[in-house]
Every structure is written in structure tokens, then in C-alpha cells.
Amino acid sequence: MGDQEADIERIKESARALKRIRDTFAERANPADGYAVDDLGSQKILDAFDKFSSNWKIRRRQLTEELERLHGITKGAAESYETLDHELAEALRRTDERQPKEAGK
């Protein structure tokens, strides 16, 4: 049973890590913002940054949504495994409690 407990903790930590990554992604400013032709030396480069900016916003939103979904899956899995583990332990305890009574019949 100890190995399963460690696995549940690892799944929980994965869920927490996915949430941290998702939160960071959602808060991250666009890396292309704030540049002018003088900063980059060329309108072509600035145009490329603007194009990147549009794509970045779309991709960042998609990645953020996917990270949120994965967080929910891993968190749910950890909760399910933990509930199952507790229910199994309780069933085993009840069985152990009945065994001496049944043996004495």
C-alpha cells in the first residue's frame, strides 16, 4: 500500500505543477509587446513581431486551456485514487474486526 500512497502524492504534485504552469502562462505578458522600429532596426522585424504577437495570444490561450484541462484530470485522478484507497482500507479494517468474532463461533 505504501507504494500507492507515494504514487498518489506524485499525481497530486503533478496536478499542482500543472496549475502553477497554467497560472504562469495565463499571466505572462506577450513577449513581442513594447518594441518599435527604433528598438529592432527594421519595419520587417517589427512586422514579424506583430505577427508573432497575434499567434502568441491565440496559442497561449489554447495552451492555457489545455493545461487547465490536464490539471483537472490529474487532480481528479489523485482524488479518486485517494478515495478508493481510504474505502479499501476501511473495508479491510471492518473485515479484520469481524474475523475474531467469526472465529470464536
PDB file of N, CA and C in Angstrom:
ATOM      1  N   MET A   1       0.815  -1.200   0.000  1.00  0.00           N
ATOM      2  CA  MET A   1       0.000   0.000   0.000  1.00  0.00           C
ATOM      3  C   MET A   1       0.859   1.265   0.000  1.00  0.00           C
ATOM      4  N   GLY A   2       2.047   1.203   0.601  1.00  0.00           N
ATOM      5  CA  GLY A   2       2.900   2.382   0.676  1.00  0.00           C
ATOM      6  C   GLY A   2       3.288   2.909  -0.693  1.00  0.00           C
ATOM      7  N   ASP A   3       3.495   2.018  -1.651  1.00  0.00           N
ATOM      8  CA  ASP A   3       3.848   2.454  -2.993  1.00  0.00           C
ATOM      9  C   ASP A   3       2.722   3.252  -3.630  1.00  0.00           C
ATOM     10  N   GLN A   4       1.484   2.830  -3.396  1.00  0.00           N
ATOM     11  CA  GLN A   4       0.351   3.560  -3.943  1.00  0.00           C
ATOM     12  C   GLN A   4       0.248   4.952  -3.336  1.00  0.00           C
ATOM     13  N   GLU A   5       0.513   5.064  -2.050  1.00  0.00           N
ATOM     14  CA  GLU A   5       0.463   6.368  -1.406  1.00  0.00           C
ATOM     15  C   GLU A   5       1.454   7.326  -2.057  1.00  0.00           C
ATOM     16  N   ALA A   6       2.666   6.839  -2.310  1.00  0.00           N
ATOM     17  CA  ALA A   6       3.672   7.672  -2.950  1.00  0.00           C
ATOM     18  C   ALA A   6       3.208   8.068  -4.349  1.00  0.00           C
ATOM     19  N   ASP A   7       2.572   7.157  -5.065  1.00  0.00           N
ATOM     20  CA  ASP A   7       2.070   7.472  -6.396  1.00  0.00           C
ATOM     21  C   ASP A   7       0.961   8.526  -6.330  1.00  0.00           C
ATOM     22  N   ILE A   8       0.093   8.411  -5.355  1.00  0.00           N
ATOM     23  CA  ILE A   8      -0.969   9.409  -5.194  1.00  0.00           C
ATOM     24  C   ILE A   8      -0.352  10.780  -4.925  1.00  0.00           C
ATOM     25  N   GLU A   9       0.649  10.820  -4.080  1.00  0.00           N
ATOM     26  CA  GLU A   9       1.319  12.098  -3.803  1.00  0.00           C
ATOM     27  C   GLU A   9       1.972  12.653  -5.065  1.00  0.00           C
ATOM     28  N   ARG A  10       2.533  11.778  -5.873  1.00  0.00           N
ATOM     29  CA  ARG A  10       3.169  12.232  -7.111  1.00  0.00           C
ATOM     30  C   ARG A  10       2.126  12.784  -8.080  1.00  0.00           C
ATOM     31  N   ILE A  11       0.970  12.134  -8.158  1.00  0.00           N
ATOM     32  CA  ILE A  11      -0.105  12.631  -9.016  1.00  0.00           C
ATOM     33  C   ILE A  11      -0.588  13.990  -8.504  1.00  0.00           C
ATOM     34  N   LYS A  12      -0.731  14.126  -7.185  1.00  0.00           N
ATOM     35  CA  LYS A  12      -1.143  15.415  -6.603  1.00  0.00           C
ATOM     36  C   LYS A  12      -0.129  16.502  -6.940  1.00  0.00           C
ATOM     37  N   GLU A  13       1.155  16.176  -6.811  1.00  0.00           N
ATOM     38  CA  GLU A  13       2.190  17.160  -7.127  1.00  0.00           C
ATOM     39  C   GLU A  13       2.153  17.514  -8.612  1.00  0.00           C
ATOM     40  N   SER A  14       1.888  16.541  -9.462  1.00  0.00           N
ATOM     41  CA  SER A  14       1.761  16.826 -10.900  1.00  0.00           C
ATOM     42  C   SER A  14       0.610  17.787 -11.147  1.00  0.00           C
ATOM     43  N   ALA A  15      -0.513  17.567 -10.468  1.00  0.00           N
ATOM     44  CA  ALA A  15      -1.665  18.458 -10.615  1.00  0.00           C
ATOM     45  C   ALA A  15      -1.302  19.869 -10.162  1.00  0.00           C
ATOM     46  N   ARG A  16      -0.604  19.971  -9.031  1.00  0.00           N
ATOM     47  CA  ARG A  16      -0.208  21.301  -8.535  1.00  0.00           C
ATOM     48  C   ARG A  16       0.765  21.976  -9.511  1.00  0.00           C
ATOM     49  N   ALA A  17       1.686  21.202 -10.069  1.00  0.00           N
ATOM     50  CA  ALA A  17       2.656  21.756 -11.022  1.00  0.00           C
ATOM     51  C   ALA A  17       1.949  22.239 -12.287  1.00  0.00           C
ATOM     52  N   LEU A  18       0.993  21.460 -12.781  1.00  0.00           N
ATOM     53  CA  LEU A  18       0.242  21.878 -13.961  1.00  0.00           C
ATOM     54  C   LEU A  18      -0.527  23.173 -13.685  1.00  0.00           C
ATOM     55  N   LYS A  19      -1.068  23.300 -12.498  1.00  0.00           N
ATOM     56  CA  LYS A  19      -1.790  24.536 -12.145  1.00  0.00           C
ATOM     57  C   LYS A  19      -0.835  25.721 -12.110  1.00  0.00           C
ATOM     58  N   ARG A  20       0.362  25.514 -11.530  1.00  0.00           N
ATOM     59  CA  ARG A  20       1.348  26.615 -11.491  1.00  0.00           C
ATOM     60  C   ARG A  20       1.756  27.019 -12.906  1.00  0.00           C
ATOM     61  N   ILE A  21       1.986  26.036 -13.767  1.00  0.00           N
ATOM     62  CA  ILE A  21       2.371  26.328 -15.156  1.00  0.00           C
ATOM     63  C   ILE A  21       1.246  27.067 -15.857  1.00  0.00           C
ATOM     64  N   ARG A  22       0.015  26.601 -15.656  1.00  0.00           N
ATOM     65  CA  ARG A  22      -1.147  27.241 -16.267  1.00  0.00           C
ATOM     66  C   ARG A  22      -1.286  28.677 -15.798  1.00  0.00           C
ATOM     67  N   ASP A  23      -1.140  28.908 -14.504  1.00  0.00           N
ATOM     68  CA  ASP A  23      -1.256  30.260 -13.957  1.00  0.00           C
ATOM     69  C   ASP A  23      -0.174  31.173 -14.522  1.00  0.00           C
ATOM     70  N   THR A  24       1.030  30.652 -14.623  1.00  0.00           N
ATOM     71  CA  THR A  24       2.138  31.440 -15.183  1.00  0.00           C
ATOM     72  C   THR A  24       1.857  31.777 -16.638  1.00  0.00           C
ATOM     73  N   PHE A  25       1.406  30.799 -17.393  1.00  0.00           N
ATOM     74  CA  PHE A  25       1.080  31.016 -18.802  1.00  0.00           C
ATOM     75  C   PHE A  25      -0.018  32.061 -18.955  1.00  0.00           C
ATOM     76  N   ALA A  26      -1.044  31.980 -18.128  1.00  0.00           N
ATOM     77  CA  ALA A  26      -2.177  32.900 -18.228  1.00  0.00           C
ATOM     78  C   ALA A  26      -1.766  34.335 -17.896  1.00  0.00           C
ATOM     79  N   GLU A  27      -0.789  34.492 -17.022  1.00  0.00           N
ATOM     80  CA  GLU A  27      -0.369  35.826 -16.576  1.00  0.00           C
ATOM     81  C   GLU A  27       0.755  36.410 -17.419  1.00  0.00           C
ATOM     82  N   ARG A  28       1.411  35.575 -18.193  1.00  0.00           N
ATOM     83  CA  ARG A  28       2.575  36.005 -18.957  1.00  0.00           C
ATOM     84  C   ARG A  28       2.202  37.054 -19.998  1.00  0.00           C
ATOM     85  N   ALA A  29       2.921  38.152 -19.974  1.00  0.00           N
ATOM     86  CA  ALA A  29       2.710  39.191 -20.979  1.00  0.00           C
ATOM     87  C   ALA A  29       3.244  38.699 -22.325  1.00  0.00           C
ATOM     88  N   ASN A  30       2.756  39.308 -23.353  1.00  0.00           N
ATOM     89  CA  ASN A  30       3.215  38.960 -24.691  1.00  0.00           C
ATOM     90  C   ASN A  30       4.681  39.389 -24.850  1.00  0.00           C
ATOM     91  N   PRO A  31       5.569  38.469 -25.191  1.00  0.00           N
ATOM     92  CA  PRO A  31       6.984  38.835 -25.307  1.00  0.00           C
ATOM     93  C   PRO A  31       7.281  39.800 -26.449  1.00  0.00           C
ATOM     94  N   ALA A  32       6.352  39.972 -27.375  1.00  0.00           N
ATOM     95  CA  ALA A  32       6.579  40.870 -28.506  1.00  0.00           C
ATOM     96  C   ALA A  32       6.100  42.289 -28.246  1.00  0.00           C
ATOM     97  N   ASP A  33       5.415  42.509 -27.142  1.00  0.00           N
ATOM     98  CA  ASP A  33       4.874  43.845 -26.858  1.00  0.00           C
ATOM     99  C   ASP A  33       5.975  44.848 -26.522  1.00  0.00           C
ATOM    100  N   GLY A  34       5.733  46.088 -26.905  1.00  0.00           N
ATOM    101  CA  GLY A  34       6.581  47.189 -26.473  1.00  0.00           C
ATOM    102  C   GLY A  34       7.758  47.522 -27.371  1.00  0.00           C
ATOM    103  N   TYR A  35       7.894  46.856 -28.483  1.00  0.00           N
ATOM    104  CA  TYR A  35       9.017  47.151 -29.372  1.00  0.00           C
ATOM    105  C   TYR A  35       8.592  48.087 -30.492  1.00  0.00           C
ATOM    106  N   ALA A  36       9.505  48.976 -30.887  1.00  0.00           N
ATOM    107  CA  ALA A  36       9.280  49.906 -32.001  1.00  0.00           C
ATOM    108  C   ALA A  36      10.382  49.678 -33.036  1.00  0.00           C
ATOM    109  N   VAL A  37      10.233  50.318 -34.185  1.00  0.00           N
ATOM    110  CA  VAL A  37      11.230  50.185 -35.257  1.00  0.00           C
ATOM    111  C   VAL A  37      12.613  50.581 -34.739  1.00  0.00           C
ATOM    112  N   ASP A  38      12.681  51.635 -33.923  1.00  0.00           N
ATOM    113  CA  ASP A  38      13.970  52.071 -33.382  1.00  0.00           C
ATOM    114  C   ASP A  38      14.624  50.983 -32.537  1.00  0.00           C
ATOM    115  N   ASP A  39      13.814  50.203 -31.814  1.00  0.00           N
ATOM    116  CA  ASP A  39      14.357  49.138 -30.972  1.00  0.00           C
ATOM    117  C   ASP A  39      14.902  47.986 -31.801  1.00  0.00           C
ATOM    118  N   LEU A  40      14.204  47.686 -32.895  1.00  0.00           N
ATOM    119  CA  LEU A  40      14.541  46.494 -33.679  1.00  0.00           C
ATOM    120  C   LEU A  40      15.317  46.803 -34.953  1.00  0.00           C
ATOM    121  N   GLY A  41      15.282  48.059 -35.383  1.00  0.00           N
ATOM    122  CA  GLY A  41      16.087  48.464 -36.530  1.00  0.00           C
ATOM    123  C   GLY A  41      15.448  48.222 -37.883  1.00  0.00           C
ATOM    124  N   SER A  42      14.241  47.660 -37.906  1.00  0.00           N
ATOM    125  CA  SER A  42      13.631  47.362 -39.197  1.00  0.00           C
ATOM    126  C   SER A  42      12.124  47.176 -39.039  1.00  0.00           C
ATOM    127  N   GLN A  43      11.380  47.737 -40.004  1.00  0.00           N
ATOM    128  CA  GLN A  43       9.924  47.544 -40.005  1.00  0.00           C
ATOM    129  C   GLN A  43       9.578  46.082 -40.264  1.00  0.00           C
ATOM    130  N   LYS A  44      10.415  45.418 -41.051  1.00  0.00           N
ATOM    131  CA  LYS A  44      10.187  43.994 -41.346  1.00  0.00           C
ATOM    132  C   LYS A  44      10.226  43.161 -40.057  1.00  0.00           C
ATOM    133  N   ILE A  45      11.206  43.463 -39.242  1.00  0.00           N
ATOM    134  CA  ILE A  45      11.329  42.738 -37.975  1.00  0.00           C
ATOM    135  C   ILE A  45      10.145  43.077 -37.066  1.00  0.00           C
ATOM    136  N   LEU A  46       9.753  44.344 -37.031  1.00  0.00           N
ATOM    137  CA  LEU A  46       8.610  44.754 -36.219  1.00  0.00           C
ATOM    138  C   LEU A  46       7.337  44.065 -36.706  1.00  0.00           C
ATOM    139  N   ASP A  47       7.169  43.967 -38.021  1.00  0.00           N
ATOM    140  CA  ASP A  47       6.003  43.272 -38.575  1.00  0.00           C
ATOM    141  C   ASP A  47       6.001  41.804 -38.168  1.00  0.00           C
ATOM    142  N   ALA A  48       7.174  41.191 -38.180  1.00  0.00           N
ATOM    143  CA  ALA A  48       7.284  39.784 -37.757  1.00  0.00           C
ATOM    144  C   ALA A  48       6.896  39.650 -36.286  1.00  0.00           C
ATOM    145  N   PHE A  49       7.338  40.595 -35.469  1.00  0.00           N
ATOM    146  CA  PHE A  49       6.960  40.580 -34.051  1.00  0.00           C
ATOM    147  C   PHE A  49       5.448  40.748 -33.887  1.00  0.00           C
ATOM    148  N   ASP A  50       4.847  41.628 -34.688  1.00  0.00           N
ATOM    149  CA  ASP A  50       3.395  41.816 -34.613  1.00  0.00           C
ATOM    150  C   ASP A  50       2.665  40.531 -35.005  1.00  0.00           C
ATOM    151  N   LYS A  51       3.147  39.867 -36.042  1.00  0.00           N
ATOM    152  CA  LYS A  51       2.535  38.597 -36.458  1.00  0.00           C
ATOM    153  C   LYS A  51       2.692  37.560 -35.347  1.00  0.00           C
ATOM    154  N   PHE A  52       3.882  37.510 -34.788  1.00  0.00           N
ATOM    155  CA  PHE A  52       4.121  36.597 -33.666  1.00  0.00           C
ATOM    156  C   PHE A  52       3.181  36.907 -32.512  1.00  0.00           C
ATOM    157  N   SER A  53       2.965  38.196 -32.272  1.00  0.00           N
ATOM    158  CA  SER A  53       2.103  38.625 -31.176  1.00  0.00           C
ATOM    159  C   SER A  53       0.703  38.060 -31.326  1.00  0.00           C
ATOM    160  N   SER A  54       0.140  38.148 -32.521  1.00  0.00           N
ATOM    161  CA  SER A  54      -1.200  37.621 -32.766  1.00  0.00           C
ATOM    162  C   SER A  54      -1.232  36.112 -32.551  1.00  0.00           C
ATOM    163  N   ASN A  55      -0.261  35.411 -33.115  1.00  0.00           N
ATOM    164  CA  ASN A  55      -0.194  33.954 -32.953  1.00  0.00           C
ATOM    165  C   ASN A  55       0.029  33.571 -31.489  1.00  0.00           C
ATOM    166  N   TRP A  56       0.863  34.336 -30.803  1.00  0.00           N
ATOM    167  CA  TRP A  56       1.166  34.050 -29.407  1.00  0.00           C
ATOM    168  C   TRP A  56      -0.098  34.131 -28.558  1.00  0.00           C
ATOM    169  N   LYS A  57      -0.905  35.152 -28.770  1.00  0.00           N
ATOM    170  CA  LYS A  57      -2.137  35.299 -27.989  1.00  0.00           C
ATOM    171  C   LYS A  57      -3.066  34.108 -28.189  1.00  0.00           C
ATOM    172  N   ILE A  58      -3.219  33.671 -29.440  1.00  0.00           N
ATOM    173  CA  ILE A  58      -4.083  32.516 -29.735  1.00  0.00           C
ATOM    174  C   ILE A  58      -3.503  31.255 -29.119  1.00  0.00           C
ATOM    175  N   ARG A  59      -2.217  31.015 -29.354  1.00  0.00           N
ATOM    176  CA  ARG A  59      -1.577  29.792 -28.844  1.00  0.00           C
ATOM    177  C   ARG A  59      -1.534  29.778 -27.321  1.00  0.00           C
ATOM    178  N   ARG A  60      -1.262  30.912 -26.737  1.00  0.00           N
ATOM    179  CA  ARG A  60      -1.210  30.988 -25.273  1.00  0.00           C
ATOM    180  C   ARG A  60      -2.566  30.643 -24.677  1.00  0.00           C
ATOM    181  N   ARG A  61      -3.634  31.153 -25.260  1.00  0.00           N
ATOM    182  CA  ARG A  61      -4.981  30.836 -24.778  1.00  0.00           C
ATOM    183  C   ARG A  61      -5.256  29.337 -24.917  1.00  0.00           C
ATOM    184  N   GLN A  62      -4.890  28.769 -26.064  1.00  0.00           N
ATOM    185  CA  GLN A  62      -5.110  27.336 -26.282  1.00  0.00           C
ATOM    186  C   GLN A  62      -4.292  26.498 -25.288  1.00  0.00           C
ATOM    187  N   LEU A  63      -3.044  26.868 -25.109  1.00  0.00           N
ATOM    188  CA  LEU A  63      -2.187  26.132 -24.175  1.00  0.00           C
ATOM    189  C   LEU A  63      -2.692  26.271 -22.742  1.00  0.00           C
ATOM    190  N   THR A  64      -3.151  27.442 -22.383  1.00  0.00           N
ATOM    191  CA  THR A  64      -3.687  27.669 -21.043  1.00  0.00           C
ATOM    192  C   THR A  64      -4.912  26.791 -20.806  1.00  0.00           C
ATOM    193  N   GLU A  65      -5.789  26.718 -21.796  1.00  0.00           N
ATOM    194  CA  GLU A  65      -6.981  25.869 -21.674  1.00  0.00           C
ATOM    195  C   GLU A  65      -6.596  24.396 -21.540  1.00  0.00           C
ATOM    196  N   GLU A  66      -5.624  23.959 -22.325  1.00  0.00           N
ATOM    197  CA  GLU A  66      -5.183  22.567 -22.264  1.00  0.00           C
ATOM    198  C   GLU A  66      -4.525  22.251 -20.914  1.00  0.00           C
ATOM    199  N   LEU A  67      -3.720  23.174 -20.420  1.00  0.00           N
ATOM    200  CA  LEU A  67      -3.106  22.976 -19.107  1.00  0.00           C
ATOM    201  C   LEU A  67      -4.162  22.906 -18.010  1.00  0.00           C
ATOM    202  N   GLU A  68      -5.208  23.718 -18.110  1.00  0.00           N
ATOM    203  CA  GLU A  68      -6.300  23.679 -17.140  1.00  0.00           C
ATOM    204  C   GLU A  68      -7.006  22.321 -17.196  1.00  0.00           C
ATOM    205  N   ARG A  69      -7.213  21.817 -18.397  1.00  0.00           N
ATOM    206  CA  ARG A  69      -7.863  20.516 -18.568  1.00  0.00           C
ATOM    207  C   ARG A  69      -7.002  19.407 -17.960  1.00  0.00           C
ATOM    208  N   LEU A  70      -5.708  19.428 -18.244  1.00  0.00           N
ATOM    209  CA  LEU A  70      -4.807  18.419 -17.684  1.00  0.00           C
ATOM    210  C   LEU A  70      -4.727  18.510 -16.164  1.00  0.00           C
ATOM    211  N   HIS A  71      -4.754  19.718 -15.642  1.00  0.00           N
ATOM    212  CA  HIS A  71      -4.765  19.907 -14.194  1.00  0.00           C
ATOM    213  C   HIS A  71      -5.999  19.237 -13.598  1.00  0.00           C
ATOM    214  N   GLY A  72      -7.149  19.465 -14.215  1.00  0.00           N
ATOM    215  CA  GLY A  72      -8.387  18.863 -13.728  1.00  0.00           C
ATOM    216  C   GLY A  72      -8.347  17.342 -13.765  1.00  0.00           C
ATOM    217  N   ILE A  73      -7.788  16.795 -14.821  1.00  0.00           N
ATOM    218  CA  ILE A  73      -7.689  15.337 -14.944  1.00  0.00           C
ATOM    219  C   ILE A  73      -6.786  14.759 -13.861  1.00  0.00           C
ATOM    220  N   THR A  74      -5.606  15.334 -13.681  1.00  0.00           N
ATOM    221  CA  THR A  74      -4.676  14.787 -12.686  1.00  0.00           C
ATOM    222  C   THR A  74      -5.187  14.998 -11.269  1.00  0.00           C
ATOM    223  N   LYS A  75      -5.796  16.127 -11.011  1.00  0.00           N
ATOM    224  CA  LYS A  75      -6.358  16.376  -9.681  1.00  0.00           C
ATOM    225  C   LYS A  75      -7.487  15.387  -9.397  1.00  0.00           C
ATOM    226  N   GLY A  76      -8.352  15.191 -10.369  1.00  0.00           N
ATOM    227  CA  GLY A  76      -9.444  14.232 -10.225  1.00  0.00           C
ATOM    228  C   GLY A  76      -8.941  12.815 -10.028  1.00  0.00           C
ATOM    229  N   ALA A  77      -7.895  12.448 -10.752  1.00  0.00           N
ATOM    230  CA  ALA A  77      -7.323  11.107 -10.607  1.00  0.00           C
ATOM    231  C   ALA A  77      -6.771  10.915  -9.199  1.00  0.00           C
ATOM    232  N   ALA A  78      -6.047  11.899  -8.701  1.00  0.00           N
ATOM    233  CA  ALA A  78      -5.493  11.799  -7.348  1.00  0.00           C
ATOM    234  C   ALA A  78      -6.603  11.665  -6.320  1.00  0.00           C
ATOM    235  N   GLU A  79      -7.642  12.468  -6.465  1.00  0.00           N
ATOM    236  CA  GLU A  79      -8.763  12.400  -5.519  1.00  0.00           C
ATOM    237  C   GLU A  79      -9.460  11.039  -5.588  1.00  0.00           C
ATOM    238  N   SER A  80      -9.635  10.515  -6.795  1.00  0.00           N
ATOM    239  CA  SER A  80     -10.282   9.209  -6.961  1.00  0.00           C
ATOM    240  C   SER A  80      -9.445   8.092  -6.350  1.00  0.00           C
ATOM    241  N   TYR A  81      -8.143   8.105  -6.628  1.00  0.00           N
ATOM    242  CA  TYR A  81      -7.259   7.084  -6.055  1.00  0.00           C
ATOM    243  C   TYR A  81      -7.253   7.161  -4.536  1.00  0.00           C
ATOM    244  N   GLU A  82      -7.223   8.380  -4.017  1.00  0.00           N
ATOM    245  CA  GLU A  82      -7.191   8.553  -2.569  1.00  0.00           C
ATOM    246  C   GLU A  82      -8.498   8.062  -1.928  1.00  0.00           C
ATOM    247  N   THR A  83      -9.615   8.388  -2.544  1.00  0.00           N
ATOM    248  CA  THR A  83     -10.906   7.916  -2.039  1.00  0.00           C
ATOM    249  C   THR A  83     -10.962   6.397  -2.064  1.00  0.00           C
ATOM    250  N   LEU A  84     -10.540   5.815  -3.169  1.00  0.00           N
ATOM    251  CA  LEU A  84     -10.525   4.358  -3.293  1.00  0.00           C
ATOM    252  C   LEU A  84      -9.620   3.724  -2.242  1.00  0.00           C
ATOM    253  N   ASP A  85      -8.461   4.318  -2.022  1.00  0.00           N
ATOM    254  CA  ASP A  85      -7.523   3.809  -1.024  1.00  0.00           C
ATOM    255  C   ASP A  85      -8.148   3.832   0.371  1.00  0.00           C
ATOM    256  N   HIS A  86      -8.815   4.942   0.718  1.00  0.00           N
ATOM    257  CA  HIS A  86      -9.466   5.056   2.030  1.00  0.00           C
ATOM    258  C   HIS A  86     -10.619   4.060   2.172  1.00  0.00           C
ATOM    259  N   GLU A  87     -11.399   3.913   1.113  1.00  0.00           N
ATOM    260  CA  GLU A  87     -12.515   2.966   1.160  1.00  0.00           C
ATOM    261  C   GLU A  87     -12.023   1.525   1.305  1.00  0.00           C
ATOM    262  N   LEU A  88     -10.967   1.186   0.586  1.00  0.00           N
ATOM    263  CA  LEU A  88     -10.393  -0.154   0.688  1.00  0.00           C
ATOM    264  C   LEU A  88      -9.835  -0.391   2.087  1.00  0.00           C
ATOM    265  N   ALA A  89      -9.129   0.585   2.630  1.00  0.00           N
ATOM    266  CA  ALA A  89      -8.578   0.451   3.984  1.00  0.00           C
ATOM    267  C   ALA A  89      -9.700   0.262   4.997  1.00  0.00           C
ATOM    268  N   GLU A  90     -10.771   1.021   4.852  1.00  0.00           N
ATOM    269  CA  GLU A  90     -11.900   0.896   5.772  1.00  0.00           C
ATOM    270  C   GLU A  90     -12.553  -0.475   5.646  1.00  0.00           C
ATOM    271  N   ALA A  91     -12.722  -0.968   4.447  1.00  0.00           N
ATOM    272  CA  ALA A  91     -13.305  -2.302   4.244  1.00  0.00           C
ATOM    273  C   ALA A  91     -12.421  -3.375   4.878  1.00  0.00           C
ATOM    274  N   LEU A  92     -11.118  -3.239   4.736  1.00  0.00           N
ATOM    275  CA  LEU A  92     -10.197  -4.208   5.341  1.00  0.00           C
ATOM    276  C   LEU A  92     -10.257  -4.146   6.865  1.00  0.00           C
ATOM    277  N   ARG A  93     -10.365  -2.940   7.421  1.00  0.00           N
ATOM    278  CA  ARG A  93     -10.486  -2.807   8.883  1.00  0.00           C
ATOM    279  C   ARG A  93     -11.766  -3.472   9.384  1.00  0.00           C
ATOM    280  N   ARG A  94     -12.870  -3.248   8.680  1.00  0.00           N
ATOM    281  CA  ARG A  94     -14.136  -3.874   9.081  1.00  0.00           C
ATOM    282  C   ARG A  94     -14.025  -5.399   8.999  1.00  0.00           C
ATOM    283  N   THR A  95     -13.371  -5.904   7.984  1.00  0.00           N
ATOM    284  CA  THR A  95     -13.174  -7.353   7.847  1.00  0.00           C
ATOM    285  C   THR A  95     -12.330  -7.883   8.995  1.00  0.00           C
ATOM    286  N   ASP A  96     -11.257  -7.166   9.325  1.00  0.00           N
ATOM    287  CA  ASP A  96     -10.387  -7.575  10.431  1.00  0.00           C
ATOM    288  C   ASP A  96     -11.147  -7.573  11.761  1.00  0.00           C
ATOM    289  N   GLU A  97     -12.017  -6.610  11.956  1.00  0.00           N
ATOM    290  CA  GLU A  97     -12.794  -6.522  13.199  1.00  0.00           C
ATOM    291  C   GLU A  97     -13.774  -7.692  13.320  1.00  0.00           C
ATOM    292  N   ARG A  98     -14.315  -8.157  12.218  1.00  0.00           N
ATOM    293  CA  ARG A  98     -15.276  -9.261  12.254  1.00  0.00           C
ATOM    294  C   ARG A  98     -14.602 -10.622  12.398  1.00  0.00           C
ATOM    295  N   GLN A  99     -13.398 -10.764  11.954  1.00  0.00           N
ATOM    296  CA  GLN A  99     -12.737 -12.077  11.963  1.00  0.00           C
ATOM    297  C   GLN A  99     -12.633 -12.696  13.356  1.00  0.00           C
ATOM    298  N   PRO A 100     -12.212 -12.006  14.397  1.00  0.00           N
ATOM    299  CA  PRO A 100     -12.148 -12.670  15.712  1.00  0.00           C
ATOM    300  C   PRO A 100     -13.516 -13.144  16.181  1.00  0.00           C
ATOM    301  N   LYS A 101     -14.558 -12.384  15.912  1.00  0.00           N
ATOM    302  CA  LYS A 101     -15.900 -12.769  16.316  1.00  0.00           C
ATOM    303  C   LYS A 101     -16.353 -14.028  15.573  1.00  0.00           C
ATOM    304  N   GLU A 102     -16.067 -14.065  14.285  1.00  0.00           N
ATOM    305  CA  GLU A 102     -16.462 -15.215  13.481  1.00  0.00           C
ATOM    306  C   GLU A 102     -15.642 -16.450  13.842  1.00  0.00           C
ATOM    307  N   ALA A 103     -14.383 -16.275  14.198  1.00  0.00           N
ATOM    308  CA  ALA A 103     -13.513 -17.407  14.563  1.00  0.00           C
ATOM    309  C   ALA A 103     -13.957 -18.033  15.878  1.00  0.00           C
ATOM    310  N   GLY A 104     -14.562 -17.245  16.777  1.00  0.00           N
ATOM    311  CA  GLY A 104     -14.980 -17.733  18.092  1.00  0.00           C
ATOM    312  C   GLY A 104     -16.324 -18.432  18.071  1.00  0.00           C
ATOM    313  N   LYS A 105     -17.023 -18.485  16.975  1.00  0.00           N
ATOM    314  CA  LYS A 105     -18.354 -19.109  16.907  1.00  0.00           C
ATOM    315  C   LYS A 105     -18.300 -20.582  17.091  1.00  0.00           C
TER     316      LYS A 105
END
